[in-house]
Amino acid sequence: MRIEKLSSRELEVMSGIAEGLRSKQIAHRLSISTTTVQAHRRNILKKMGAKNSISAVTMGWRKGLI
């Protein structure tokens, strides 16, 4: 399976997810809205073909993205 390339912001959001941060915490850290973080989460799942954040982070870790 080929994973679409993630943007630098999506990688930052994925790193926050990997750290166990909630969307609100990631938004505060990156100075963006919670809605934008949620959009990045959706894009990450779609691009990676993942069913949830945990599987996306696992795939990202295995591929050396985070």
C-alpha atoms as a PDB file:
ATOM      1  CA  MET A   1       0.000   0.000   0.000  1.00  0.00           C
ATOM      2  CA  ARG A   2       1.311   3.444  -0.927  1.00  0.00           C
ATOM      3  CA  ILE A   3       0.852   6.269   1.562  1.00  0.00           C
ATOM      4  CA  GLU A   4       0.299   9.750   0.162  1.00  0.00           C
ATOM      5  CA  LYS A   5       2.868  12.298   1.267  1.00  0.00           C
ATOM      6  CA  LEU A   6       1.873  14.176   4.406  1.00  0.00           C
ATOM      7  CA  SER A   7       2.355  17.919   4.666  1.00  0.00           C
ATOM      8  CA  SER A   8       4.724  19.329   7.262  1.00  0.00           C
ATOM      9  CA  ARG A   9       1.736  20.516   9.307  1.00  0.00           C
ATOM     10  CA  GLU A  10       0.133  17.075   9.156  1.00  0.00           C
ATOM     11  CA  LEU A  11       3.392  15.600  10.424  1.00  0.00           C
ATOM     12  CA  GLU A  12       3.379  18.103  13.312  1.00  0.00           C
ATOM     13  CA  VAL A  13      -0.195  17.119  14.157  1.00  0.00           C
ATOM     14  CA  MET A  14       0.719  13.425  13.959  1.00  0.00           C
ATOM     15  CA  SER A  15       3.616  14.015  16.346  1.00  0.00           C
ATOM     16  CA  GLY A  16       1.211  15.629  18.794  1.00  0.00           C
ATOM     17  CA  ILE A  17      -1.133  12.667  18.487  1.00  0.00           C
ATOM     18  CA  ALA A  18       1.807  10.323  19.114  1.00  0.00           C
ATOM     19  CA  GLU A  19       2.577  12.268  22.291  1.00  0.00           C
ATOM     20  CA  GLY A  20      -0.991  11.661  23.461  1.00  0.00           C
ATOM     21  CA  LEU A  21      -2.115  15.266  23.095  1.00  0.00           C
ATOM     22  CA  ARG A  22      -5.750  16.149  22.447  1.00  0.00           C
ATOM     23  CA  SER A  23      -6.768  18.280  19.481  1.00  0.00           C
ATOM     24  CA  LYS A  24      -7.141  21.338  21.704  1.00  0.00           C
ATOM     25  CA  GLN A  25      -3.617  20.906  23.067  1.00  0.00           C
ATOM     26  CA  ILE A  26      -2.164  20.401  19.585  1.00  0.00           C
ATOM     27  CA  ALA A  27      -4.026  23.493  18.369  1.00  0.00           C
ATOM     28  CA  HIS A  28      -2.590  25.575  21.195  1.00  0.00           C
ATOM     29  CA  ARG A  29       0.938  24.283  20.567  1.00  0.00           C
ATOM     30  CA  LEU A  30       0.749  25.026  16.820  1.00  0.00           C
ATOM     31  CA  SER A  31      -1.245  28.273  17.177  1.00  0.00           C
ATOM     32  CA  ILE A  32      -4.077  27.013  14.983  1.00  0.00           C
ATOM     33  CA  SER A  33      -7.755  26.316  15.649  1.00  0.00           C
ATOM     34  CA  THR A  34      -9.059  23.022  16.971  1.00  0.00           C
ATOM     35  CA  THR A  35     -11.161  22.740  13.808  1.00  0.00           C
ATOM     36  CA  THR A  36      -7.991  22.940  11.710  1.00  0.00           C
ATOM     37  CA  VAL A  37      -6.366  20.204  13.800  1.00  0.00           C
ATOM     38  CA  GLN A  38      -9.433  18.007  13.277  1.00  0.00           C
ATOM     39  CA  ALA A  39      -9.212  18.634   9.507  1.00  0.00           C
ATOM     40  CA  HIS A  40      -5.527  17.629   9.570  1.00  0.00           C
ATOM     41  CA  ARG A  41      -6.456  14.470  11.515  1.00  0.00           C
ATOM     42  CA  ARG A  42      -9.039  13.546   8.860  1.00  0.00           C
ATOM     43  CA  ASN A  43      -6.516  14.182   6.086  1.00  0.00           C
ATOM     44  CA  ILE A  44      -3.898  12.053   7.845  1.00  0.00           C
ATOM     45  CA  LEU A  45      -6.310   9.139   8.182  1.00  0.00           C
ATOM     46  CA  LYS A  46      -7.390   9.421   4.551  1.00  0.00           C
ATOM     47  CA  LYS A  47      -3.859   9.736   3.157  1.00  0.00           C
ATOM     48  CA  MET A  48      -2.575   6.828   5.236  1.00  0.00           C
ATOM     49  CA  GLY A  49      -5.624   4.622   4.746  1.00  0.00           C
ATOM     50  CA  ALA A  50      -5.934   4.297   8.513  1.00  0.00           C
ATOM     51  CA  LYS A  51      -9.136   3.637  10.447  1.00  0.00           C
ATOM     52  CA  ASN A  52      -8.091   5.578  13.539  1.00  0.00           C
ATOM     53  CA  SER A  53      -5.349   7.783  14.957  1.00  0.00           C
ATOM     54  CA  ILE A  54      -3.587   4.924  16.712  1.00  0.00           C
ATOM     55  CA  SER A  55      -3.130   2.950  13.497  1.00  0.00           C
ATOM     56  CA  ALA A  56      -2.029   6.118  11.651  1.00  0.00           C
ATOM     57  CA  VAL A  57       0.612   6.850  14.287  1.00  0.00           C
ATOM     58  CA  THR A  58       1.766   3.225  14.223  1.00  0.00           C
ATOM     59  CA  MET A  59       2.116   3.319  10.441  1.00  0.00           C
ATOM     60  CA  GLY A  60       3.891   6.687  10.639  1.00  0.00           C
ATOM     61  CA  TRP A  61       6.319   5.345  13.226  1.00  0.00           C
ATOM     62  CA  ARG A  62       7.052   2.221  11.165  1.00  0.00           C
ATOM     63  CA  LYS A  63       7.677   4.340   8.066  1.00  0.00           C
ATOM     64  CA  GLY A  64       9.988   6.662  10.017  1.00  0.00           C
ATOM     65  CA  LEU A  65       7.721   9.688   9.663  1.00  0.00           C
ATOM     66  CA  ILE A  66       7.673  10.382  13.406  1.00  0.00           C
END
